[in-house]
C-alpha cells in the first residue's frame, strides 16, 4: 500500500513538474517576443516603446523563472531584461541565480561584469568577479573582451587596452576576440595595434570578408595564410 502511494506521489510530482516547465516555456516565448519588440523599437528611436516592451519581457521572464527556478537560462533572460531597464542591482541578483544553476554560464558572467561597470562598482569587487569568471568559463578571452567593451562604453578608455591584452592572450586562436580587439584599438586611435590583431584575425579566418576590407582601409596588404 505504501509503495503504491509513494509511486502515485512521485508520478503526480512529475506531472506537476512537467506543467511548470510548460508554463515556463510559454512565458519565455512571450518574453522573447517582447524583448525583440523592444530592440526593434530602439532601432527606430522609440524609447517609450522600448521601455514598455522590456518591462513586458521582464514580467514574462519573471514568471518563467518562478515556474522553473532551476533553469539557468530562465534567470539569465530575466537578468537581461532588468539590465536593459537599467535596474542593475536586480540584474546582478538574477545573473547570480543563473550562475548558481550553472557556474560556467559565460553569458551570465559577462552580463554581471557589464552591470558592475555601469554601477561603478569598487575596482576590487570588479577584479574579483572577472578573475572568478575567467577561471571557470571555457572561453576566458571573451570575459576580458566583455570587460574591455564595458570600459569603452562607460567612457573609461584608459582601462580598455589592458583588458584587451588579457583578452587576446587568453584566446590566441579565437578570431572573434582578435577582430574585436583590432576594432577597439582602431576606435582608440592605436592603428598599429589595430592592424596587428586584424591580421591575426584574418589568418585565423581568411573567409571573413569584413576583416579583409578593414585591413584594406588601414592600408594593409592581406597577410599570408598558412596552407595557402
Foldseek 3Di string as FASTA:
>chain_A
DVVVVVVVVVVVVVVLLVVLQVLLVVLQVQLVVLQVQLVVCVVVVNNVSNLVSLVSSLVSLVSSCVSPVLALVSLQSNLVSCVVNVVLVSSLVSLVSSCVSPVQPLSSLLSNLLSCLVVVHDPVVSVVSLVSNLVRYPQSLVSLVSNLVSCVVSVVNVPNVVSLVVSCVSCVLDLVSLQSSLVSCVVVVNNVSNLVSLLSSCLNPVPDVVSCVVCVVSVHDRDDHPPD
